[in-house]
């Protein structure tokens, strides 16, 4: 099992990037960089590539609606070149609020678009022939009746460092997870409860695996949560830091009847709680929504406690098929993020 972290840069990206340098020395294998609707991810990842030497750098995620498929491929190839072959391309559909609200692009056919984007990216990186693609969502070159008629099939000018860059998909729904298991190199779930993952996603993963190209390696999975190692109630209480995030996702992301995270909580067995959290959150009662998040949910999606307990949680994630344990280190007195990385690395 490898060790990963999701870069948090609320306190300043340059400061957070320097912490990655320290965590790299402590044994961090992969750092994920989010984009959401903040700064663009590629700029931040290029900065990280210049500062680091061996830690792998992943996009988690580049939303599939915000760039053309070819630009996604070019960006991935560029970051892979700058990092000397250390880049991982994470893709996801994001959600209608961001895509239609912030980008002004219709949120349509996410599964079909994802499949075609992956096909196009892999064709671009291979450079075996000028790029030609005919699909339901994308046609390259653009047909004459849709443009000037001057479009020409081209190859990427630069030669990618690798013809196969790992592609991960952030997915939750059954059909999307099935697609992930079929065509992607890795899977990025969220709010992952290892003890219940098979009940929620097992059938979808198995269905996708049956159609998986044998040339692809076994599906990688990155999941984990807040990490704190130490004795006493002060450490276990750090799980509470996740309460507001869970309430936001389960209660406030999307709308009533259109919230992927709420549906996930329901599938985990928290149907009554998920409905209550959403009703409270959407009515403006955010603190009450946070209070309604079950303590058990927080414990099962985090790794906070004595070293022996954290080792048990790691074993549960490993048993669930997680290949890249993704942690958010919360240093206590006398600790640093790097020292926590080093300590948990010894438990893998």
C-alpha atoms as a PDB file:
ATOM      1  CA  UNK A   1       0.000   0.000   0.000  1.00  0.00           C
ATOM      2  CA  UNK A   2       1.270   3.466  -0.948  1.00  0.00           C
ATOM      3  CA  UNK A   3       0.724   6.666   0.998  1.00  0.00           C
ATOM      4  CA  UNK A   4      -1.047   9.711  -0.445  1.00  0.00           C
ATOM      5  CA  UNK A   5      -2.407  13.029   0.747  1.00  0.00           C
ATOM      6  CA  UNK A   6      -4.838  15.622  -0.580  1.00  0.00           C
ATOM      7  CA  UNK A   7      -3.054  18.965  -0.556  1.00  0.00           C
ATOM      8  CA  UNK A   8      -4.790  21.523   1.626  1.00  0.00           C
ATOM      9  CA  UNK A   9      -3.690  25.041   0.798  1.00  0.00           C
ATOM     10  CA  UNK A  10      -6.174  27.273   2.591  1.00  0.00           C
ATOM     11  CA  UNK A  11      -3.251  28.864   4.416  1.00  0.00           C
ATOM     12  CA  UNK A  12      -1.380  29.625   1.192  1.00  0.00           C
ATOM     13  CA  UNK A  13      -0.306  27.372  -1.623  1.00  0.00           C
ATOM     14  CA  UNK A  14       3.409  28.132  -1.471  1.00  0.00           C
ATOM     15  CA  UNK A  15       3.460  27.276   2.227  1.00  0.00           C
ATOM     16  CA  UNK A  16       1.553  24.040   1.599  1.00  0.00           C
ATOM     17  CA  UNK A  17       3.877  23.135  -1.278  1.00  0.00           C
ATOM     18  CA  UNK A  18       6.884  23.453   1.024  1.00  0.00           C
ATOM     19  CA  UNK A  19       5.227  21.014   3.409  1.00  0.00           C
ATOM     20  CA  UNK A  20       4.936  18.577   0.505  1.00  0.00           C
ATOM     21  CA  UNK A  21       8.713  18.795   0.080  1.00  0.00           C
ATOM     22  CA  UNK A  22       9.094  17.780   3.731  1.00  0.00           C
ATOM     23  CA  UNK A  23       6.504  14.997   3.423  1.00  0.00           C
ATOM     24  CA  UNK A  24       8.269  13.722   0.309  1.00  0.00           C
ATOM     25  CA  UNK A  25      11.438  13.253   2.376  1.00  0.00           C
ATOM     26  CA  UNK A  26       9.365  11.413   4.996  1.00  0.00           C
ATOM     27  CA  UNK A  27       8.090   8.890   2.437  1.00  0.00           C
ATOM     28  CA  UNK A  28       4.953  10.383   0.873  1.00  0.00           C
ATOM     29  CA  UNK A  29       4.269   8.596  -2.421  1.00  0.00           C
ATOM     30  CA  UNK A  30       1.532  10.709  -4.028  1.00  0.00           C
ATOM     31  CA  UNK A  31       0.031  14.157  -3.508  1.00  0.00           C
ATOM     32  CA  UNK A  32      -3.376  15.036  -4.955  1.00  0.00           C
ATOM     33  CA  UNK A  33      -4.222  18.612  -5.954  1.00  0.00           C
ATOM     34  CA  UNK A  34      -7.819  19.804  -6.160  1.00  0.00           C
ATOM     35  CA  UNK A  35      -9.209  22.447  -8.491  1.00  0.00           C
ATOM     36  CA  UNK A  36     -12.948  22.769  -7.712  1.00  0.00           C
ATOM     37  CA  UNK A  37     -13.675  26.450  -8.496  1.00  0.00           C
ATOM     38  CA  UNK A  38     -10.502  27.889  -6.975  1.00  0.00           C
ATOM     39  CA  UNK A  39      -7.140  28.317  -8.692  1.00  0.00           C
ATOM     40  CA  UNK A  40      -6.611  26.097 -11.721  1.00  0.00           C
ATOM     41  CA  UNK A  41      -5.011  22.775 -10.838  1.00  0.00           C
ATOM     42  CA  UNK A  42      -2.307  22.569 -13.542  1.00  0.00           C
ATOM     43  CA  UNK A  43      -0.592  25.797 -12.435  1.00  0.00           C
ATOM     44  CA  UNK A  44      -0.366  24.497  -8.878  1.00  0.00           C
ATOM     45  CA  UNK A  45       0.834  21.051  -9.975  1.00  0.00           C
ATOM     46  CA  UNK A  46       3.514  22.551 -12.220  1.00  0.00           C
ATOM     47  CA  UNK A  47       4.800  24.492  -9.215  1.00  0.00           C
ATOM     48  CA  UNK A  48       4.913  21.291  -7.180  1.00  0.00           C
ATOM     49  CA  UNK A  49       6.749  19.485  -9.966  1.00  0.00           C
ATOM     50  CA  UNK A  50       9.497  22.096  -9.849  1.00  0.00           C
ATOM     51  CA  UNK A  51       9.891  21.820  -6.070  1.00  0.00           C
ATOM     52  CA  UNK A  52       9.879  18.038  -5.728  1.00  0.00           C
ATOM     53  CA  UNK A  53      11.925  15.155  -7.056  1.00  0.00           C
ATOM     54  CA  UNK A  54      10.157  11.847  -6.549  1.00  0.00           C
ATOM     55  CA  UNK A  55       6.679  12.273  -5.052  1.00  0.00           C
ATOM     56  CA  UNK A  56       3.988  11.581  -7.648  1.00  0.00           C
ATOM     57  CA  UNK A  57       1.573  14.422  -8.401  1.00  0.00           C
ATOM     58  CA  UNK A  58      -2.082  13.843  -9.178  1.00  0.00           C
ATOM     59  CA  UNK A  59      -5.009  15.972 -10.320  1.00  0.00           C
ATOM     60  CA  UNK A  60      -7.993  15.298  -8.087  1.00  0.00           C
ATOM     61  CA  UNK A  61      -9.743  16.346 -10.142  1.00  0.00           C
ATOM     62  CA  UNK A  62      -9.802  18.086 -13.508  1.00  0.00           C
ATOM     63  CA  UNK A  63     -13.533  18.484 -14.292  1.00  0.00           C
ATOM     64  CA  UNK A  64     -14.335  16.941 -17.668  1.00  0.00           C
ATOM     65  CA  UNK A  65     -16.539  19.842 -18.798  1.00  0.00           C
ATOM     66  CA  UNK A  66     -13.990  22.622 -18.322  1.00  0.00           C
ATOM     67  CA  UNK A  67     -11.522  21.716 -21.071  1.00  0.00           C
ATOM     68  CA  UNK A  68     -11.566  20.039 -24.457  1.00  0.00           C
ATOM     69  CA  UNK A  69     -10.443  16.394 -24.408  1.00  0.00           C
ATOM     70  CA  UNK A  70      -7.335  17.291 -26.379  1.00  0.00           C
ATOM     71  CA  UNK A  71      -6.374  20.060 -23.955  1.00  0.00           C
ATOM     72  CA  UNK A  72      -6.767  17.618 -21.066  1.00  0.00           C
ATOM     73  CA  UNK A  73      -4.371  15.278 -22.866  1.00  0.00           C
ATOM     74  CA  UNK A  74      -1.902  18.093 -23.619  1.00  0.00           C
ATOM     75  CA  UNK A  75      -2.024  19.321 -20.019  1.00  0.00           C
ATOM     76  CA  UNK A  76      -1.406  15.838 -18.657  1.00  0.00           C
ATOM     77  CA  UNK A  77       1.489  15.300 -21.056  1.00  0.00           C
ATOM     78  CA  UNK A  78       2.985  18.663 -20.104  1.00  0.00           C
ATOM     79  CA  UNK A  79       2.787  17.978 -16.372  1.00  0.00           C
ATOM     80  CA  UNK A  80       4.178  14.497 -16.899  1.00  0.00           C
ATOM     81  CA  UNK A  81       7.130  15.992 -18.765  1.00  0.00           C
ATOM     82  CA  UNK A  82       7.787  18.652 -16.112  1.00  0.00           C
ATOM     83  CA  UNK A  83       7.687  16.019 -13.359  1.00  0.00           C
ATOM     84  CA  UNK A  84       9.768  13.440 -15.268  1.00  0.00           C
ATOM     85  CA  UNK A  85       6.940  10.920 -15.455  1.00  0.00           C
ATOM     86  CA  UNK A  86       5.333  11.498 -12.041  1.00  0.00           C
ATOM     87  CA  UNK A  87       1.887  12.723 -13.070  1.00  0.00           C
ATOM     88  CA  UNK A  88      -1.501  11.065 -12.483  1.00  0.00           C
ATOM     89  CA  UNK A  89      -4.560  12.398 -14.314  1.00  0.00           C
ATOM     90  CA  UNK A  90      -7.662  12.430 -12.138  1.00  0.00           C
ATOM     91  CA  UNK A  91     -10.923  13.139 -13.940  1.00  0.00           C
ATOM     92  CA  UNK A  92     -14.420  13.749 -12.651  1.00  0.00           C
ATOM     93  CA  UNK A  93     -17.755  15.203 -13.636  1.00  0.00           C
ATOM     94  CA  UNK A  94     -17.983  17.637 -10.697  1.00  0.00           C
ATOM     95  CA  UNK A  95     -21.641  18.709 -10.379  1.00  0.00           C
ATOM     96  CA  UNK A  96     -24.265  20.852 -12.080  1.00  0.00           C
ATOM     97  CA  UNK A  97     -23.878  23.733  -9.621  1.00  0.00           C
ATOM     98  CA  UNK A  98     -20.230  24.253 -10.537  1.00  0.00           C
ATOM     99  CA  UNK A  99     -20.317  23.241 -14.199  1.00  0.00           C
ATOM    100  CA  UNK A 100     -23.454  25.134 -15.189  1.00  0.00           C
ATOM    101  CA  UNK A 101     -23.171  27.876 -12.586  1.00  0.00           C
ATOM    102  CA  UNK A 102     -19.471  28.756 -12.693  1.00  0.00           C
ATOM    103  CA  UNK A 103     -18.494  27.516 -16.172  1.00  0.00           C
ATOM    104  CA  UNK A 104     -21.768  27.961 -18.043  1.00  0.00           C
ATOM    105  CA  UNK A 105     -21.560  24.556 -19.699  1.00  0.00           C
ATOM    106  CA  UNK A 106     -24.499  22.091 -19.835  1.00  0.00           C
ATOM    107  CA  UNK A 107     -24.033  19.172 -17.441  1.00  0.00           C
ATOM    108  CA  UNK A 108     -24.931  16.420 -19.886  1.00  0.00           C
ATOM    109  CA  UNK A 109     -23.964  12.781 -20.453  1.00  0.00           C
ATOM    110  CA  UNK A 110     -21.106  12.544 -17.918  1.00  0.00           C
ATOM    111  CA  UNK A 111     -20.527   8.814 -18.481  1.00  0.00           C
ATOM    112  CA  UNK A 112     -20.256   9.049 -22.250  1.00  0.00           C
ATOM    113  CA  UNK A 113     -18.046  12.109 -22.089  1.00  0.00           C
ATOM    114  CA  UNK A 114     -15.722  10.465 -19.589  1.00  0.00           C
ATOM    115  CA  UNK A 115     -15.300   7.357 -21.722  1.00  0.00           C
ATOM    116  CA  UNK A 116     -14.544   9.358 -24.873  1.00  0.00           C
ATOM    117  CA  UNK A 117     -12.149  11.736 -23.103  1.00  0.00           C
ATOM    118  CA  UNK A 118     -10.124   8.775 -21.846  1.00  0.00           C
ATOM    119  CA  UNK A 119     -10.025   7.284 -25.344  1.00  0.00           C
ATOM    120  CA  UNK A 120      -8.873  10.608 -26.831  1.00  0.00           C
ATOM    121  CA  UNK A 121      -6.211  11.174 -24.165  1.00  0.00           C
ATOM    122  CA  UNK A 122      -4.696   7.753 -24.715  1.00  0.00           C
ATOM    123  CA  UNK A 123      -4.669   8.268 -28.489  1.00  0.00           C
ATOM    124  CA  UNK A 124      -2.958  11.658 -28.107  1.00  0.00           C
ATOM    125  CA  UNK A 125      -0.231  10.255 -25.839  1.00  0.00           C
ATOM    126  CA  UNK A 126       0.514   7.299 -28.121  1.00  0.00           C
ATOM    127  CA  UNK A 127       1.108   9.539 -31.179  1.00  0.00           C
ATOM    128  CA  UNK A 128       0.583   6.532 -33.449  1.00  0.00           C
ATOM    129  CA  UNK A 129      -1.433   8.511 -35.996  1.00  0.00           C
ATOM    130  CA  UNK A 130      -3.053  11.926 -36.436  1.00  0.00           C
ATOM    131  CA  UNK A 131      -5.922  12.275 -33.979  1.00  0.00           C
ATOM    132  CA  UNK A 132      -9.255  11.109 -35.345  1.00  0.00           C
ATOM    133  CA  UNK A 133     -12.239  10.413 -33.128  1.00  0.00           C
ATOM    134  CA  UNK A 134     -15.888   9.846 -33.931  1.00  0.00           C
ATOM    135  CA  UNK A 135     -18.170   9.634 -30.923  1.00  0.00           C
ATOM    136  CA  UNK A 136     -21.526  10.787 -29.614  1.00  0.00           C
ATOM    137  CA  UNK A 137     -19.933  13.648 -27.663  1.00  0.00           C
ATOM    138  CA  UNK A 138     -16.820  14.533 -29.628  1.00  0.00           C
ATOM    139  CA  UNK A 139     -15.827  14.369 -33.278  1.00  0.00           C
ATOM    140  CA  UNK A 140     -12.247  15.193 -34.256  1.00  0.00           C
ATOM    141  CA  UNK A 141     -11.552  16.832 -36.628  1.00  0.00           C
ATOM    142  CA  UNK A 142     -14.751  18.881 -36.469  1.00  0.00           C
ATOM    143  CA  UNK A 143     -17.072  18.031 -39.407  1.00  0.00           C
ATOM    144  CA  UNK A 144     -17.225  20.626 -42.179  1.00  0.00           C
ATOM    145  CA  UNK A 145     -20.907  21.329 -41.548  1.00  0.00           C
ATOM    146  CA  UNK A 146     -20.123  22.344 -37.950  1.00  0.00           C
ATOM    147  CA  UNK A 147     -17.296  24.760 -38.651  1.00  0.00           C
ATOM    148  CA  UNK A 148     -15.190  26.205 -41.434  1.00  0.00           C
ATOM    149  CA  UNK A 149     -14.386  22.861 -42.977  1.00  0.00           C
ATOM    150  CA  UNK A 150     -10.657  23.535 -42.493  1.00  0.00           C
ATOM    151  CA  UNK A 151     -10.142  21.229 -39.520  1.00  0.00           C
ATOM    152  CA  UNK A 152      -7.209  18.839 -39.949  1.00  0.00           C
ATOM    153  CA  UNK A 153      -6.242  15.672 -38.110  1.00  0.00           C
ATOM    154  CA  UNK A 154      -3.043  16.405 -36.162  1.00  0.00           C
ATOM    155  CA  UNK A 155      -0.591  14.766 -33.768  1.00  0.00           C
ATOM    156  CA  UNK A 156       0.613  16.460 -30.614  1.00  0.00           C
ATOM    157  CA  UNK A 157       3.863  18.223 -31.588  1.00  0.00           C
ATOM    158  CA  UNK A 158       5.762  17.381 -28.407  1.00  0.00           C
ATOM    159  CA  UNK A 159       6.568  13.759 -27.667  1.00  0.00           C
ATOM    160  CA  UNK A 160       5.074  12.756 -24.310  1.00  0.00           C
ATOM    161  CA  UNK A 161       7.445  11.311 -21.715  1.00  0.00           C
ATOM    162  CA  UNK A 162       5.055   8.387 -21.338  1.00  0.00           C
ATOM    163  CA  UNK A 163       2.558   7.016 -23.811  1.00  0.00           C
ATOM    164  CA  UNK A 164       0.487   5.711 -20.886  1.00  0.00           C
ATOM    165  CA  UNK A 165      -0.248   8.178 -18.072  1.00  0.00           C
ATOM    166  CA  UNK A 166      -2.358   6.767 -15.201  1.00  0.00           C
ATOM    167  CA  UNK A 167      -5.973   7.928 -15.414  1.00  0.00           C
ATOM    168  CA  UNK A 168      -8.140   7.974 -12.319  1.00  0.00           C
ATOM    169  CA  UNK A 169     -11.878   8.672 -12.141  1.00  0.00           C
ATOM    170  CA  UNK A 170     -13.673  10.254  -9.192  1.00  0.00           C
ATOM    171  CA  UNK A 171     -16.973   8.383  -9.121  1.00  0.00           C
ATOM    172  CA  UNK A 172     -19.740   7.406  -6.703  1.00  0.00           C
ATOM    173  CA  UNK A 173     -22.795   6.224  -8.642  1.00  0.00           C
ATOM    174  CA  UNK A 174     -23.086   2.594  -9.701  1.00  0.00           C
ATOM    175  CA  UNK A 175     -22.852   3.226 -13.455  1.00  0.00           C
ATOM    176  CA  UNK A 176     -19.915   5.609 -13.053  1.00  0.00           C
ATOM    177  CA  UNK A 177     -18.076   3.205 -10.745  1.00  0.00           C
ATOM    178  CA  UNK A 178     -18.707   0.410 -13.230  1.00  0.00           C
ATOM    179  CA  UNK A 179     -17.207   2.575 -15.990  1.00  0.00           C
ATOM    180  CA  UNK A 180     -14.240   3.331 -13.735  1.00  0.00           C
ATOM    181  CA  UNK A 181     -13.559  -0.355 -13.145  1.00  0.00           C
ATOM    182  CA  UNK A 182     -13.794  -0.958 -16.880  1.00  0.00           C
ATOM    183  CA  UNK A 183     -11.597   1.762 -18.376  1.00  0.00           C
ATOM    184  CA  UNK A 184      -9.603   3.637 -15.709  1.00  0.00           C
ATOM    185  CA  UNK A 185      -6.282   2.930 -14.047  1.00  0.00           C
ATOM    186  CA  UNK A 186      -7.533   4.150 -10.678  1.00  0.00           C
ATOM    187  CA  UNK A 187     -10.623   5.078  -8.689  1.00  0.00           C
ATOM    188  CA  UNK A 188     -11.088   8.123  -6.417  1.00  0.00           C
ATOM    189  CA  UNK A 189     -14.108   7.636  -4.128  1.00  0.00           C
ATOM    190  CA  UNK A 190     -15.002  10.038  -1.319  1.00  0.00           C
ATOM    191  CA  UNK A 191     -16.356   9.426   2.210  1.00  0.00           C
ATOM    192  CA  UNK A 192     -15.116   5.848   1.866  1.00  0.00           C
ATOM    193  CA  UNK A 193     -16.171   3.432   4.610  1.00  0.00           C
ATOM    194  CA  UNK A 194     -14.007   0.342   4.057  1.00  0.00           C
ATOM    195  CA  UNK A 195     -16.243  -2.022   6.035  1.00  0.00           C
ATOM    196  CA  UNK A 196     -19.251  -1.156   3.846  1.00  0.00           C
ATOM    197  CA  UNK A 197     -17.567  -0.451   0.509  1.00  0.00           C
ATOM    198  CA  UNK A 198     -18.220  -3.894  -0.926  1.00  0.00           C
ATOM    199  CA  UNK A 199     -21.919  -3.731  -0.079  1.00  0.00           C
ATOM    200  CA  UNK A 200     -22.227  -0.352  -1.798  1.00  0.00           C
ATOM    201  CA  UNK A 201     -19.886  -0.731  -4.784  1.00  0.00           C
ATOM    202  CA  UNK A 202     -18.941  -4.407  -5.034  1.00  0.00           C
ATOM    203  CA  UNK A 203     -21.413  -5.296  -7.774  1.00  0.00           C
ATOM    204  CA  UNK A 204     -20.523  -2.243  -9.879  1.00  0.00           C
ATOM    205  CA  UNK A 205     -16.780  -2.884  -9.546  1.00  0.00           C
ATOM    206  CA  UNK A 206     -17.249  -6.536 -10.497  1.00  0.00           C
ATOM    207  CA  UNK A 207     -19.392  -5.659 -13.522  1.00  0.00           C
ATOM    208  CA  UNK A 208     -16.795  -3.202 -14.785  1.00  0.00           C
ATOM    209  CA  UNK A 209     -13.927  -5.609 -14.144  1.00  0.00           C
ATOM    210  CA  UNK A 210     -15.564  -8.197 -16.396  1.00  0.00           C
ATOM    211  CA  UNK A 211     -15.274  -5.763 -19.335  1.00  0.00           C
ATOM    212  CA  UNK A 212     -11.819  -4.478 -18.405  1.00  0.00           C
ATOM    213  CA  UNK A 213      -9.066  -4.591 -21.025  1.00  0.00           C
ATOM    214  CA  UNK A 214      -6.566  -7.240 -19.853  1.00  0.00           C
ATOM    215  CA  UNK A 215      -3.771  -4.861 -20.886  1.00  0.00           C
ATOM    216  CA  UNK A 216      -4.748  -2.598 -17.989  1.00  0.00           C
ATOM    217  CA  UNK A 217      -3.253  -3.311 -14.575  1.00  0.00           C
ATOM    218  CA  UNK A 218      -5.438  -4.007 -11.536  1.00  0.00           C
ATOM    219  CA  UNK A 219      -7.568  -1.021 -10.565  1.00  0.00           C
ATOM    220  CA  UNK A 220      -5.874   1.291  -8.058  1.00  0.00           C
ATOM    221  CA  UNK A 221      -7.983   2.866  -5.290  1.00  0.00           C
ATOM    222  CA  UNK A 222      -7.154   5.903  -3.160  1.00  0.00           C
ATOM    223  CA  UNK A 223      -9.135   6.486   0.036  1.00  0.00           C
ATOM    224  CA  UNK A 224      -8.625   7.327   3.692  1.00  0.00           C
ATOM    225  CA  UNK A 225      -9.329  10.356   5.859  1.00  0.00           C
ATOM    226  CA  UNK A 226      -8.144  12.615   8.645  1.00  0.00           C
ATOM    227  CA  UNK A 227      -5.056  11.212  10.361  1.00  0.00           C
ATOM    228  CA  UNK A 228      -4.089  11.813  13.993  1.00  0.00           C
ATOM    229  CA  UNK A 229      -1.928   9.522  16.076  1.00  0.00           C
ATOM    230  CA  UNK A 230      -1.793   9.810  19.843  1.00  0.00           C
ATOM    231  CA  UNK A 231      -3.375   8.833  23.148  1.00  0.00           C
ATOM    232  CA  UNK A 232      -6.373  10.388  24.798  1.00  0.00           C
ATOM    233  CA  UNK A 233      -9.718  11.905  23.961  1.00  0.00           C
ATOM    234  CA  UNK A 234      -8.155  15.015  22.463  1.00  0.00           C
ATOM    235  CA  UNK A 235      -6.916  12.924  19.530  1.00  0.00           C
ATOM    236  CA  UNK A 236     -10.109  10.988  18.854  1.00  0.00           C
ATOM    237  CA  UNK A 237     -12.087  14.236  19.049  1.00  0.00           C
ATOM    238  CA  UNK A 238     -10.232  15.445  15.969  1.00  0.00           C
ATOM    239  CA  UNK A 239     -12.726  13.411  13.961  1.00  0.00           C
ATOM    240  CA  UNK A 240     -15.093  16.278  14.684  1.00  0.00           C
ATOM    241  CA  UNK A 241     -13.167  18.410  12.183  1.00  0.00           C
ATOM    242  CA  UNK A 242     -14.804  16.332   9.446  1.00  0.00           C
ATOM    243  CA  UNK A 243     -18.332  16.986  10.700  1.00  0.00           C
ATOM    244  CA  UNK A 244     -18.834  20.262   8.799  1.00  0.00           C
ATOM    245  CA  UNK A 245     -17.507  18.744   5.574  1.00  0.00           C
ATOM    246  CA  UNK A 246     -19.824  15.735   5.793  1.00  0.00           C
ATOM    247  CA  UNK A 247     -22.791  18.018   6.507  1.00  0.00           C
ATOM    248  CA  UNK A 248     -21.887  20.201   3.526  1.00  0.00           C
ATOM    249  CA  UNK A 249     -21.583  17.275   1.129  1.00  0.00           C
ATOM    250  CA  UNK A 250     -24.491  15.159   2.381  1.00  0.00           C
ATOM    251  CA  UNK A 251     -26.738  18.149   3.042  1.00  0.00           C
ATOM    252  CA  UNK A 252     -25.745  21.002   0.784  1.00  0.00           C
ATOM    253  CA  UNK A 253     -24.199  19.646  -2.398  1.00  0.00           C
ATOM    254  CA  UNK A 254     -26.773  19.644  -5.162  1.00  0.00           C
ATOM    255  CA  UNK A 255     -30.483  19.750  -4.470  1.00  0.00           C
ATOM    256  CA  UNK A 256     -33.196  17.576  -2.982  1.00  0.00           C
ATOM    257  CA  UNK A 257     -33.244  14.382  -5.039  1.00  0.00           C
ATOM    258  CA  UNK A 258     -30.015  15.346  -6.835  1.00  0.00           C
ATOM    259  CA  UNK A 259     -27.197  14.926  -4.339  1.00  0.00           C
ATOM    260  CA  UNK A 260     -24.696  12.128  -5.018  1.00  0.00           C
ATOM    261  CA  UNK A 261     -23.251  12.275  -1.492  1.00  0.00           C
ATOM    262  CA  UNK A 262     -26.653  12.101   0.155  1.00  0.00           C
ATOM    263  CA  UNK A 263     -27.410   9.032  -1.927  1.00  0.00           C
ATOM    264  CA  UNK A 264     -24.104   7.508  -0.814  1.00  0.00           C
ATOM    265  CA  UNK A 265     -24.886   8.046   2.881  1.00  0.00           C
ATOM    266  CA  UNK A 266     -28.255   6.397   2.292  1.00  0.00           C
ATOM    267  CA  UNK A 267     -26.600   3.405   0.638  1.00  0.00           C
ATOM    268  CA  UNK A 268     -24.278   3.115   3.618  1.00  0.00           C
ATOM    269  CA  UNK A 269     -27.348   2.599   5.806  1.00  0.00           C
ATOM    270  CA  UNK A 270     -27.843   6.149   7.075  1.00  0.00           C
ATOM    271  CA  UNK A 271     -31.074   6.878   5.172  1.00  0.00           C
ATOM    272  CA  UNK A 272     -32.900   8.618   8.035  1.00  0.00           C
ATOM    273  CA  UNK A 273     -29.829  10.625   9.052  1.00  0.00           C
ATOM    274  CA  UNK A 274     -29.054  11.634   5.457  1.00  0.00           C
ATOM    275  CA  UNK A 275     -32.570  12.989   4.972  1.00  0.00           C
ATOM    276  CA  UNK A 276     -32.422  14.918   8.235  1.00  0.00           C
ATOM    277  CA  UNK A 277     -29.007  16.405   7.445  1.00  0.00           C
ATOM    278  CA  UNK A 278     -30.197  17.565   4.038  1.00  0.00           C
ATOM    279  CA  UNK A 279     -33.464  19.039   5.309  1.00  0.00           C
ATOM    280  CA  UNK A 280     -31.631  20.972   8.002  1.00  0.00           C
ATOM    281  CA  UNK A 281     -28.846  22.164   5.750  1.00  0.00           C
ATOM    282  CA  UNK A 282     -31.097  23.304   2.914  1.00  0.00           C
ATOM    283  CA  UNK A 283     -33.277  25.212   5.383  1.00  0.00           C
ATOM    284  CA  UNK A 284     -30.238  27.174   6.553  1.00  0.00           C
ATOM    285  CA  UNK A 285     -29.698  25.271   9.820  1.00  0.00           C
ATOM    286  CA  UNK A 286     -26.087  24.309   9.147  1.00  0.00           C
ATOM    287  CA  UNK A 287     -25.033  23.783  12.776  1.00  0.00           C
ATOM    288  CA  UNK A 288     -28.021  21.528  13.389  1.00  0.00           C
ATOM    289  CA  UNK A 289     -27.153  19.614  10.205  1.00  0.00           C
ATOM    290  CA  UNK A 290     -23.611  19.118  11.475  1.00  0.00           C
ATOM    291  CA  UNK A 291     -24.918  17.832  14.809  1.00  0.00           C
ATOM    292  CA  UNK A 292     -27.056  15.280  12.949  1.00  0.00           C
ATOM    293  CA  UNK A 293     -24.016  13.618  11.350  1.00  0.00           C
ATOM    294  CA  UNK A 294     -23.630  10.244  13.132  1.00  0.00           C
ATOM    295  CA  UNK A 295     -20.515   9.854  15.280  1.00  0.00           C
ATOM    296  CA  UNK A 296     -20.063   6.408  13.775  1.00  0.00           C
ATOM    297  CA  UNK A 297     -19.870   7.893  10.287  1.00  0.00           C
ATOM    298  CA  UNK A 298     -17.061  10.192  11.386  1.00  0.00           C
ATOM    299  CA  UNK A 299     -15.128   7.369  13.011  1.00  0.00           C
ATOM    300  CA  UNK A 300     -15.408   5.030  10.021  1.00  0.00           C
ATOM    301  CA  UNK A 301     -14.176   7.684   7.556  1.00  0.00           C
ATOM    302  CA  UNK A 302     -11.143   8.811   9.604  1.00  0.00           C
ATOM    303  CA  UNK A 303      -7.963   7.456  11.224  1.00  0.00           C
ATOM    304  CA  UNK A 304      -7.710   9.206  14.588  1.00  0.00           C
ATOM    305  CA  UNK A 305      -6.494   7.513  17.745  1.00  0.00           C
ATOM    306  CA  UNK A 306      -3.626   5.531  19.281  1.00  0.00           C
ATOM    307  CA  UNK A 307      -1.075   4.016  16.926  1.00  0.00           C
ATOM    308  CA  UNK A 308      -2.524   0.529  17.403  1.00  0.00           C
ATOM    309  CA  UNK A 309      -6.002   1.798  16.508  1.00  0.00           C
ATOM    310  CA  UNK A 310      -4.733   3.606  13.408  1.00  0.00           C
ATOM    311  CA  UNK A 311      -3.035   0.354  12.366  1.00  0.00           C
ATOM    312  CA  UNK A 312      -6.434  -1.381  12.608  1.00  0.00           C
ATOM    313  CA  UNK A 313      -8.059   1.280  10.434  1.00  0.00           C
ATOM    314  CA  UNK A 314      -5.268   0.949   7.872  1.00  0.00           C
ATOM    315  CA  UNK A 315      -5.832  -2.817   7.791  1.00  0.00           C
ATOM    316  CA  UNK A 316      -9.541  -2.219   7.116  1.00  0.00           C
ATOM    317  CA  UNK A 317      -8.770   0.067   4.174  1.00  0.00           C
ATOM    318  CA  UNK A 318      -6.271  -2.434   2.820  1.00  0.00           C
ATOM    319  CA  UNK A 319      -8.796  -5.275   3.156  1.00  0.00           C
ATOM    320  CA  UNK A 320     -11.253  -3.161   1.130  1.00  0.00           C
ATOM    321  CA  UNK A 321      -8.783  -2.997  -1.775  1.00  0.00           C
ATOM    322  CA  UNK A 322      -7.319   0.456  -1.171  1.00  0.00           C
ATOM    323  CA  UNK A 323      -3.888   0.690  -2.833  1.00  0.00           C
ATOM    324  CA  UNK A 324      -3.111   4.311  -1.904  1.00  0.00           C
ATOM    325  CA  UNK A 325      -4.016   5.248   1.664  1.00  0.00           C
ATOM    326  CA  UNK A 326      -4.980   8.920   1.456  1.00  0.00           C
ATOM    327  CA  UNK A 327      -4.501  10.822   4.704  1.00  0.00           C
ATOM    328  CA  UNK A 328      -4.820  14.393   5.926  1.00  0.00           C
ATOM    329  CA  UNK A 329      -2.231  14.664   8.723  1.00  0.00           C
ATOM    330  CA  UNK A 330      -3.254  16.556  11.860  1.00  0.00           C
ATOM    331  CA  UNK A 331      -0.055  17.052  13.911  1.00  0.00           C
ATOM    332  CA  UNK A 332      -0.267  17.133  17.695  1.00  0.00           C
ATOM    333  CA  UNK A 333       2.215  18.540  20.212  1.00  0.00           C
ATOM    334  CA  UNK A 334       5.742  17.746  19.066  1.00  0.00           C
ATOM    335  CA  UNK A 335       4.594  16.400  15.688  1.00  0.00           C
ATOM    336  CA  UNK A 336       4.733  17.745  12.141  1.00  0.00           C
ATOM    337  CA  UNK A 337       2.921  16.653   9.011  1.00  0.00           C
ATOM    338  CA  UNK A 338       6.170  15.049   7.859  1.00  0.00           C
ATOM    339  CA  UNK A 339       6.680  13.145  11.126  1.00  0.00           C
ATOM    340  CA  UNK A 340       3.089  11.848  10.942  1.00  0.00           C
ATOM    341  CA  UNK A 341       3.686  10.697   7.371  1.00  0.00           C
ATOM    342  CA  UNK A 342       6.827   8.889   8.491  1.00  0.00           C
ATOM    343  CA  UNK A 343       4.987   7.240  11.374  1.00  0.00           C
ATOM    344  CA  UNK A 344       2.016   6.036   9.351  1.00  0.00           C
ATOM    345  CA  UNK A 345       4.335   4.900   6.559  1.00  0.00           C
ATOM    346  CA  UNK A 346       5.837   2.425   9.033  1.00  0.00           C
ATOM    347  CA  UNK A 347       2.374   0.889   9.520  1.00  0.00           C
ATOM    348  CA  UNK A 348       1.678   0.163   5.849  1.00  0.00           C
END
